[in-house]
Amino acid sequence: MKPYKSLSKEELFSLFQELQTKYFELKNAGISLDMSRGKPGADQLDLSAPMLDVLNSTSSFKGAQGFDLRNYGQLDGIIEAKELFGELMDAPVDHVMVYGNSSLNIMYDLISRAMLHGIGGNTPWCKQEKVKFLCPVPGYDRHFAITESFGIEMITVPMDENGPDMDLVEKYVNNDATVKGIWCVPKYSNPSGAVYSDEVVNRMASLKPAAADFRIFWDNAYAVHHLYPENKAEIVNIVTACEKAGNPDMYYELCSTSKITFPGSGVAALITSPANIAEIKKSMTVQTIGHDKLNQMRHVMFFKNAEGIHKHMEKHAALIRPKFEAVLNTLEEELGGLEIGTWLKPIGGYFIAFDTIPGCAKRVVSLCKEAGVVMTPAGSTYPYMNDPQDTSIRIAPTLPSPADLKKACEVFVLCVKLATVEKYLSEK
């Protein structure tokens, strides 16, 4: 098949009729699939089921420091969990706080705390005339939802396979005191799968912010989520990079076991400087008396150490790698050479980023929904749901079964073809 853009109006119309017939057949097939979020499949969740047996009514509930795990206390997490996350993320234990199940909750709290109480003794953001945040795109919709909910002005920064445009980041951060933060998913980025290069991380750590209360929100959600254990991406450690650059307090690094064990019952951690931790704990003492220490210990007993987590993640990779490859193979087989879409092949993470030709993403997602396949709304990968070119679509392959994923792929590529032909016909 020739590239669609080279087809005549007559050829396009003939193709439109053919695609529309196939679309109505699929639409009437009663398909009902949800690919809107990056959720682990049931087979992935089964991998962690034995963790539920490591603690029971006959277990000792004493931690390493003699603390009763069933009681109040241990505001910043039990030492065993701090050591586990410290080893996993290559951070000193005194840089680690262990929370409940959600790193998103930690990020929301960090923004809320900055708004109400300020950072580092500076004026609370809510009392400053203007607060801005940098948002590399395409990016994570829930990051953008947090800053939007607080009325923070979001500024898009383009990304490529090496990370954000650092010339632009430096221009904003180093010269505008109203720029208070930047969202980053540095490894297997959501949704593109991009991995920040050494240069990008080192330049990020070496920023000279005009605002004393500027922070890098380093959401390292996919730190161990490799698809190919023999080809693991590695990035510069933001902790040591910031300390080396003379910016020891400039980052908040987040991680969790949400897509390692159970998304609703995992453990999340914040990694940051001791000075930042001391500041955070002041308000946390009002907010909570401590998180679920039994669950923290359950994770420690199940994994034992970082190597245990890495071995566990190899089992995850074996389950989801075929799903990613099935989607990528379908895209190549059905759309390759038609010049109607582009995509990257990630080596880790949870998503595949797909770009339509300009003006087609919303139509593709709408057609998919009408045919029974629910995807993340088009535009979600941009602040304010505003993708100016209307091209960006996030594909989440992990939740459906292989059979359902095959159906979803069939629907998706057909909708891409149909939306593109409609677009070209409207321009003829």
Protein backbone atom coordinates (compact mmCIF):
# COMPACT_ATOMS: atom_id res chain seq x y z
CA MET A 1 0.00 0.00 0.00
CA LYS A 2 1.23 3.48 -0.87
CA PRO A 3 1.49 6.20 1.81
CA TYR A 4 -2.01 7.56 2.37
CA LYS A 5 -0.96 11.14 1.69
CA SER A 6 -0.07 10.20 -1.91
CA LEU A 7 -3.50 8.71 -2.70
CA SER A 8 -5.93 10.50 -4.98
CA LYS A 9 -9.36 11.57 -3.76
CA GLU A 10 -10.93 8.65 -5.56
CA GLU A 11 -8.49 6.18 -4.03
CA LEU A 12 -9.05 7.67 -0.60
CA PHE A 13 -12.82 7.41 -0.92
CA SER A 14 -12.63 3.80 -2.05
CA LEU A 15 -10.35 3.04 0.92
CA PHE A 16 -12.71 4.92 3.24
CA GLN A 17 -15.64 2.72 2.19
CA GLU A 18 -13.57 -0.44 2.70
CA LEU A 19 -12.34 0.65 6.15
CA GLN A 20 -15.78 1.81 7.24
CA THR A 21 -17.26 -1.59 6.41
CA LYS A 22 -14.60 -3.32 8.52
CA TYR A 23 -15.15 -0.80 11.32
CA PHE A 24 -18.89 -1.47 11.50
CA GLU A 25 -18.18 -5.20 11.63
CA LEU A 26 -15.88 -4.70 14.63
CA LYS A 27 -18.27 -2.25 16.21
CA ASN A 28 -21.04 -4.84 16.09
CA ALA A 29 -18.82 -7.59 17.52
CA GLY A 30 -19.57 -6.61 21.12
CA ILE A 31 -15.99 -5.88 22.12
CA SER A 32 -15.56 -4.34 25.60
CA LEU A 33 -11.96 -3.64 26.62
CA ASP A 34 -10.38 -1.03 28.88
CA MET A 35 -6.84 0.10 28.01
CA SER A 36 -7.12 3.49 29.66
CA ARG A 37 -4.64 2.97 32.53
CA GLY A 38 -1.35 1.18 33.01
CA LYS A 39 -2.61 -1.56 35.27
CA PRO A 40 -0.83 -4.87 35.88
CA GLY A 41 -2.64 -7.94 34.62
CA ALA A 42 -4.01 -10.57 36.98
CA ASP A 43 -1.10 -12.88 36.14
CA GLN A 44 1.31 -10.18 37.31
CA LEU A 45 -0.59 -9.70 40.57
CA ASP A 46 -0.46 -13.47 41.14
CA LEU A 47 3.33 -13.24 41.32
CA SER A 48 3.07 -11.43 44.65
CA ALA A 49 0.34 -13.58 46.20
CA PRO A 50 2.84 -15.52 48.38
CA MET A 51 3.71 -12.25 50.09
CA LEU A 52 0.39 -12.48 51.90
CA ASP A 53 1.65 -15.57 53.73
CA VAL A 54 4.90 -14.19 55.16
CA LEU A 55 3.09 -12.56 58.09
CA ASN A 56 0.33 -14.30 60.04
CA SER A 57 -1.09 -14.45 63.53
CA THR A 58 1.86 -16.49 64.83
CA SER A 59 4.54 -14.14 63.48
CA SER A 60 6.77 -11.97 65.60
CA PHE A 61 5.71 -8.38 65.24
CA LYS A 62 8.93 -6.90 66.55
CA GLY A 63 11.05 -4.89 64.15
CA ALA A 64 14.85 -4.76 64.15
CA GLN A 65 14.78 -1.91 66.65
CA GLY A 66 12.44 -3.78 69.01
CA PHE A 67 9.44 -1.77 67.87
CA ASP A 68 5.97 -3.33 67.80
CA LEU A 69 4.91 -3.07 64.16
CA ARG A 70 1.23 -3.22 65.12
CA ASN A 71 1.31 -0.01 67.11
CA TYR A 72 1.57 3.72 66.43
CA GLY A 73 4.88 5.34 65.54
CA GLN A 74 7.77 5.15 63.09
CA LEU A 75 6.60 8.23 61.21
CA ASP A 76 9.16 7.93 58.42
CA GLY A 77 8.95 4.14 58.08
CA ILE A 78 10.57 1.13 59.69
CA ILE A 79 14.33 0.88 59.35
CA GLU A 80 14.11 -2.42 57.44
CA ALA A 81 11.97 -0.82 54.71
CA LYS A 82 14.21 2.25 54.57
CA GLU A 83 17.22 0.01 54.08
CA LEU A 84 15.44 -1.95 51.33
CA PHE A 85 14.50 1.19 49.38
CA GLY A 86 17.91 2.72 50.03
CA GLU A 87 19.61 -0.32 48.50
CA LEU A 88 17.18 -0.46 45.59
CA MET A 89 17.51 3.22 44.71
CA ASP A 90 21.18 3.57 45.70
CA ALA A 91 20.50 6.18 48.37
CA PRO A 92 21.71 6.58 51.98
CA VAL A 93 19.18 5.39 54.54
CA ASP A 94 18.98 8.86 56.12
CA HIS A 95 17.69 10.11 52.75
CA VAL A 96 14.70 7.71 52.74
CA MET A 97 11.16 8.07 54.07
CA VAL A 98 8.74 5.15 53.64
CA TYR A 99 5.02 5.89 53.34
CA GLY A 100 1.83 4.02 52.48
CA ASN A 101 0.86 2.59 49.10
CA SER A 102 0.90 5.66 46.83
CA SER A 103 3.75 7.80 45.51
CA LEU A 104 1.09 9.98 43.85
CA ASN A 105 -0.19 10.75 47.34
CA ILE A 106 3.34 11.80 48.37
CA MET A 107 3.62 14.12 45.38
CA TYR A 108 0.23 15.68 46.11
CA ASP A 109 1.31 16.25 49.72
CA LEU A 110 4.59 17.83 48.63
CA ILE A 111 2.77 20.32 46.41
CA SER A 112 0.14 20.97 49.06
CA ARG A 113 2.81 21.53 51.71
CA ALA A 114 4.65 23.97 49.43
CA MET A 115 1.41 25.84 48.79
CA LEU A 116 0.43 26.11 52.46
CA HIS A 117 3.71 26.20 54.33
CA GLY A 118 6.41 26.99 51.79
CA ILE A 119 9.72 25.23 51.16
CA GLY A 120 12.97 25.91 52.99
CA GLY A 121 11.57 28.80 55.00
CA ASN A 122 10.42 30.65 51.88
CA THR A 123 7.02 32.28 51.39
CA PRO A 124 4.22 29.72 50.86
CA TRP A 125 3.37 29.41 47.20
CA CYS A 126 -0.24 30.41 47.85
CA LYS A 127 0.99 33.81 49.03
CA GLN A 128 3.19 34.39 45.99
CA GLU A 129 1.78 36.29 43.04
CA LYS A 130 2.53 33.61 40.46
CA VAL A 131 3.67 29.98 40.60
CA LYS A 132 4.74 28.05 37.49
CA PHE A 133 5.74 24.46 36.81
CA LEU A 134 7.63 22.95 33.88
CA CYS A 135 5.93 19.95 32.28
CA PRO A 136 7.94 17.84 29.81
CA VAL A 137 5.63 16.48 27.11
CA PRO A 138 4.37 13.98 26.39
CA GLY A 139 4.02 13.33 30.11
CA TYR A 140 2.02 11.77 32.92
CA ASP A 141 -1.55 13.04 33.13
CA ARG A 142 -1.80 12.70 36.91
CA HIS A 143 1.22 14.94 37.41
CA PHE A 144 -0.50 17.63 35.41
CA ALA A 145 -3.76 17.08 37.28
CA ILE A 146 -2.03 17.78 40.61
CA THR A 147 -0.53 21.10 39.57
CA GLU A 148 -3.69 22.15 37.74
CA SER A 149 -5.79 21.43 40.84
CA PHE A 150 -3.74 23.98 42.79
CA GLY A 151 -3.99 26.63 40.09
CA ILE A 152 -0.31 26.39 39.20
CA GLU A 153 0.53 27.61 35.70
CA MET A 154 1.99 24.77 33.63
CA ILE A 155 4.55 25.35 30.89
CA THR A 156 5.18 22.61 28.33
CA VAL A 157 8.74 21.59 27.53
CA PRO A 158 9.31 19.25 24.56
CA MET A 159 11.00 15.90 25.11
CA ASP A 160 12.93 13.56 22.86
CA GLU A 161 14.37 10.09 23.51
CA ASN A 162 17.06 11.63 25.77
CA GLY A 163 14.72 13.64 28.00
CA PRO A 164 13.52 17.26 28.20
CA ASP A 165 14.94 20.13 26.14
CA MET A 166 17.50 21.26 28.71
CA ASP A 167 18.25 24.55 26.94
CA LEU A 168 14.64 25.50 27.54
CA VAL A 169 14.59 24.11 31.08
CA GLU A 170 17.69 26.11 32.01
CA LYS A 171 16.26 29.24 30.42
CA TYR A 172 13.10 29.06 32.52
CA VAL A 173 14.54 27.79 35.82
CA ASN A 174 17.66 29.94 35.93
CA ASN A 175 15.94 33.19 34.96
CA ASP A 176 12.36 33.09 36.24
CA ALA A 177 11.80 33.05 40.01
CA THR A 178 8.14 32.10 39.53
CA VAL A 179 9.20 28.69 38.17
CA LYS A 180 9.05 26.45 41.24
CA GLY A 181 9.34 22.93 39.91
CA ILE A 182 9.53 20.43 37.10
CA TRP A 183 7.85 17.05 36.69
CA CYS A 184 10.20 14.27 35.58
CA VAL A 185 9.78 10.56 34.88
CA PRO A 186 13.46 9.96 34.15
CA LYS A 187 13.50 6.27 33.29
CA TYR A 188 11.14 4.60 30.82
CA SER A 189 9.16 7.82 30.84
CA ASN A 190 5.37 7.79 30.86
CA PRO A 191 4.28 7.50 28.06
CA SER A 192 7.19 7.59 25.62
CA GLY A 193 9.57 5.17 27.32
CA ALA A 194 12.35 7.77 27.01
CA VAL A 195 15.41 7.37 29.23
CA TYR A 196 17.12 10.54 30.42
CA SER A 197 20.70 10.71 29.17
CA ASP A 198 23.66 11.33 31.48
CA GLU A 199 23.95 14.83 30.07
CA VAL A 200 20.31 15.62 30.79
CA VAL A 201 20.48 14.35 34.39
CA ASN A 202 23.72 16.19 35.12
CA ARG A 203 22.39 19.42 33.61
CA MET A 204 19.20 19.00 35.62
CA ALA A 205 21.20 18.56 38.83
CA SER A 206 23.34 21.59 37.97
CA LEU A 207 20.47 24.04 37.52
CA LYS A 208 20.91 27.44 39.15
CA PRO A 209 17.31 28.27 40.04
CA ALA A 210 16.23 31.87 40.32
CA ALA A 211 13.75 30.59 42.94
CA ALA A 212 15.23 29.36 46.23
CA ASP A 213 12.19 27.09 46.63
CA PHE A 214 12.54 25.35 43.26
CA ARG A 215 12.38 21.55 43.35
CA ILE A 216 12.81 18.73 40.83
CA PHE A 217 9.99 16.19 41.22
CA TRP A 218 11.91 13.06 40.16
CA ASP A 219 9.19 10.42 39.80
CA ASN A 220 11.33 7.32 39.29
CA ALA A 221 8.24 5.12 39.00
CA TYR A 222 9.77 2.63 36.53
CA ALA A 223 13.26 2.35 38.00
CA VAL A 224 13.24 -1.47 37.85
CA HIS A 225 10.59 -2.05 35.18
CA HIS A 226 12.78 -3.46 32.44
CA LEU A 227 11.25 -5.33 29.53
CA TYR A 228 14.56 -6.87 28.53
CA PRO A 229 16.68 -7.97 31.53
CA GLU A 230 19.71 -8.24 29.25
CA ASN A 231 19.23 -4.62 28.11
CA LYS A 232 18.54 -2.59 31.25
CA ALA A 233 18.65 1.18 30.96
CA GLU A 234 20.74 2.91 33.61
CA ILE A 235 20.59 6.59 34.54
CA VAL A 236 22.71 8.92 36.63
CA ASN A 237 21.72 8.91 40.32
CA ILE A 238 19.92 12.19 41.00
CA VAL A 239 20.95 12.10 44.69
CA THR A 240 24.67 12.07 44.05
CA ALA A 241 24.36 14.32 40.98
CA CYS A 242 22.61 17.06 42.96
CA GLU A 243 25.03 16.76 45.86
CA LYS A 244 28.01 16.91 43.51
CA ALA A 245 26.53 20.01 41.83
CA GLY A 246 26.07 21.78 45.17
CA ASN A 247 22.25 21.39 45.12
CA PRO A 248 21.67 18.75 47.83
CA ASP A 249 18.11 19.88 48.62
CA MET A 250 16.86 20.52 45.09
CA TYR A 251 15.16 17.17 44.38
CA TYR A 252 12.36 14.95 45.60
CA GLU A 253 12.76 11.42 44.25
CA LEU A 254 9.71 9.13 44.35
CA CYS A 255 9.37 5.38 43.93
CA SER A 256 6.92 2.66 44.90
CA THR A 257 6.07 -1.03 44.61
CA SER A 258 2.72 -0.25 42.97
CA LYS A 259 3.56 -2.11 39.77
CA ILE A 260 5.92 -4.51 41.55
CA THR A 261 3.48 -6.08 44.04
CA PHE A 262 -0.09 -4.79 44.48
CA PRO A 263 -1.04 -1.32 43.16
CA GLY A 264 -3.60 -0.79 45.91
CA SER A 265 -1.50 -2.30 48.69
CA GLY A 266 2.09 -1.50 47.90
CA VAL A 267 4.66 0.70 49.62
CA ALA A 268 5.94 4.07 48.41
CA ALA A 269 9.07 5.98 49.35
CA LEU A 270 10.44 9.50 49.16
CA ILE A 271 14.17 9.96 48.73
CA THR A 272 15.52 13.43 49.46
CA SER A 273 18.04 15.28 51.60
CA PRO A 274 18.00 15.03 55.41
CA ALA A 275 17.18 18.76 55.52
CA ASN A 276 14.11 18.23 53.35
CA ILE A 277 13.08 15.22 55.42
CA ALA A 278 13.31 17.21 58.66
CA GLU A 279 11.10 19.92 57.16
CA ILE A 280 8.54 17.41 55.88
CA LYS A 281 8.34 15.56 59.20
CA LYS A 282 7.35 18.77 61.01
CA SER A 283 4.00 18.88 59.22
CA MET A 284 3.64 15.10 58.91
CA THR A 285 3.46 14.81 62.70
CA VAL A 286 0.15 16.68 62.46
CA GLN A 287 -1.03 14.72 59.44
CA THR A 288 -0.42 11.12 60.61
CA ILE A 289 1.06 9.01 63.39
CA GLY A 290 2.57 6.60 60.90
CA HIS A 291 1.82 4.41 57.91
CA ASP A 292 1.14 0.68 57.60
CA LYS A 293 4.25 -0.87 59.16
CA LEU A 294 2.94 -4.42 58.81
CA ASN A 295 2.76 -3.96 55.06
CA GLN A 296 6.23 -2.43 55.02
CA MET A 297 7.58 -5.48 56.89
CA ARG A 298 5.62 -7.84 54.63
CA HIS A 299 7.43 -6.42 51.62
CA VAL A 300 10.81 -6.64 53.36
CA MET A 301 10.26 -10.27 54.35
CA PHE A 302 9.07 -11.22 50.86
CA PHE A 303 11.91 -9.58 48.90
CA LYS A 304 14.67 -9.61 51.55
CA ASN A 305 16.88 -7.27 49.49
CA ALA A 306 17.15 -5.37 46.23
CA GLU A 307 18.26 -8.50 44.39
CA GLY A 308 14.98 -10.12 45.39
CA ILE A 309 13.10 -7.27 43.75
CA HIS A 310 15.17 -7.51 40.58
CA LYS A 311 14.51 -11.26 40.31
CA HIS A 312 10.81 -10.61 40.85
CA MET A 313 10.78 -8.00 38.08
CA GLU A 314 12.27 -10.49 35.63
CA LYS A 315 9.09 -12.54 36.13
CA HIS A 316 7.01 -9.45 35.37
CA ALA A 317 9.03 -8.80 32.23
CA ALA A 318 8.44 -12.35 30.99
CA LEU A 319 4.68 -11.77 31.25
CA ILE A 320 4.38 -8.32 29.70
CA ARG A 321 7.18 -8.38 27.11
CA PRO A 322 5.11 -10.50 24.69
CA LYS A 323 2.24 -8.01 25.04
CA PHE A 324 4.46 -5.06 24.14
CA GLU A 325 5.94 -6.97 21.22
CA ALA A 326 2.47 -7.97 20.01
CA VAL A 327 1.39 -4.31 19.89
CA LEU A 328 4.62 -3.15 18.26
CA ASN A 329 4.50 -5.95 15.67
CA THR A 330 0.89 -5.08 14.81
CA LEU A 331 1.76 -1.41 14.40
CA GLU A 332 4.62 -2.30 12.09
CA GLU A 333 2.68 -4.86 10.07
CA GLU A 334 -0.48 -2.75 9.66
CA LEU A 335 0.83 0.82 9.62
CA GLY A 336 4.47 0.56 8.56
CA GLY A 337 5.09 2.44 5.31
CA LEU A 338 1.70 4.17 5.31
CA GLU A 339 3.17 7.31 6.95
CA ILE A 340 0.09 7.77 9.12
CA GLY A 341 1.67 7.29 12.55
CA THR A 342 4.92 7.09 14.45
CA TRP A 343 5.88 5.27 17.62
CA LEU A 344 8.90 4.42 19.74
CA LYS A 345 9.95 0.94 20.84
CA PRO A 346 10.41 1.14 24.62
CA ILE A 347 12.75 -1.20 26.49
CA GLY A 348 10.95 -0.72 29.79
CA GLY A 349 8.04 0.92 31.56
CA TYR A 350 4.34 0.46 30.99
CA PHE A 351 3.36 2.35 27.86
CA ILE A 352 3.82 2.84 24.14
CA ALA A 353 3.53 6.38 22.82
CA PHE A 354 1.83 6.67 19.44
CA ASP A 355 1.58 9.84 17.34
CA THR A 356 -1.02 10.20 14.60
CA ILE A 357 -0.74 12.76 11.83
CA PRO A 358 -1.81 16.22 13.13
CA GLY A 359 -5.48 16.52 13.95
CA CYS A 360 -6.35 12.84 14.33
CA ALA A 361 -5.66 11.65 17.89
CA LYS A 362 -9.03 12.62 19.37
CA ARG A 363 -10.87 11.06 16.44
CA VAL A 364 -8.89 7.80 16.79
CA VAL A 365 -9.66 7.53 20.52
CA SER A 366 -13.34 8.34 19.86
CA LEU A 367 -13.61 5.69 17.15
CA CYS A 368 -11.95 3.15 19.44
CA LYS A 369 -14.42 3.91 22.22
CA GLU A 370 -17.40 3.52 19.88
CA ALA A 371 -15.98 0.13 18.87
CA GLY A 372 -15.65 -0.98 22.50
CA VAL A 373 -11.99 -0.20 23.27
CA VAL A 374 -11.51 2.50 25.91
CA MET A 375 -8.15 4.29 25.79
CA THR A 376 -6.62 7.16 27.73
CA PRO A 377 -8.32 10.35 26.46
CA ALA A 378 -6.38 12.07 23.68
CA GLY A 379 -4.57 15.10 25.01
CA SER A 380 -3.98 13.54 28.44
CA THR A 381 -0.23 13.54 27.90
CA TYR A 382 -0.26 17.37 27.81
CA PRO A 383 -1.10 19.95 30.50
CA TYR A 384 -4.74 21.09 30.51
CA MET A 385 -5.50 18.15 28.14
CA ASN A 386 -4.32 20.46 25.38
CA ASP A 387 -2.24 18.69 22.76
CA PRO A 388 -1.84 21.55 20.24
CA GLN A 389 -1.20 19.20 17.31
CA ASP A 390 -3.77 16.59 18.42
CA THR A 391 -1.36 13.73 17.75
CA SER A 392 -0.47 12.05 21.06
CA ILE A 393 -2.04 8.74 22.15
CA ARG A 394 -0.91 6.54 25.04
CA ILE A 395 -1.21 2.77 24.59
CA ALA A 396 -1.31 0.66 27.77
CA PRO A 397 -0.77 -3.01 26.82
CA THR A 398 -0.42 -4.69 30.24
CA LEU A 399 -3.96 -5.30 31.54
CA PRO A 400 -5.72 -7.17 28.69
CA SER A 401 -5.22 -10.88 28.16
CA PRO A 402 -3.23 -11.80 25.02
CA ALA A 403 -6.47 -12.64 23.19
CA ASP A 404 -8.13 -9.36 24.20
CA LEU A 405 -5.00 -7.42 23.35
CA LYS A 406 -5.08 -8.88 19.84
CA LYS A 407 -8.66 -7.62 19.43
CA ALA A 408 -7.74 -4.21 20.83
CA CYS A 409 -4.81 -3.89 18.41
CA GLU A 410 -7.07 -4.78 15.51
CA VAL A 411 -9.51 -2.06 16.54
CA PHE A 412 -6.78 0.51 17.13
CA VAL A 413 -4.96 0.19 13.81
CA LEU A 414 -8.25 0.20 11.92
CA CYS A 415 -9.29 3.40 13.72
CA VAL A 416 -5.96 5.04 12.92
CA LYS A 417 -6.44 4.21 9.25
CA LEU A 418 -10.05 5.38 9.20
CA ALA A 419 -9.38 8.65 11.05
CA THR A 420 -6.45 9.43 8.75
CA VAL A 421 -8.45 8.79 5.59
CA GLU A 422 -11.27 10.98 6.92
CA LYS A 423 -8.74 13.73 7.59
CA TYR A 424 -7.19 13.55 4.14
CA LEU A 425 -10.59 13.43 2.44
CA SER A 426 -11.69 16.57 4.31
CA GLU A 427 -8.65 18.37 2.93
CA LYS A 428 -9.13 17.32 -0.70
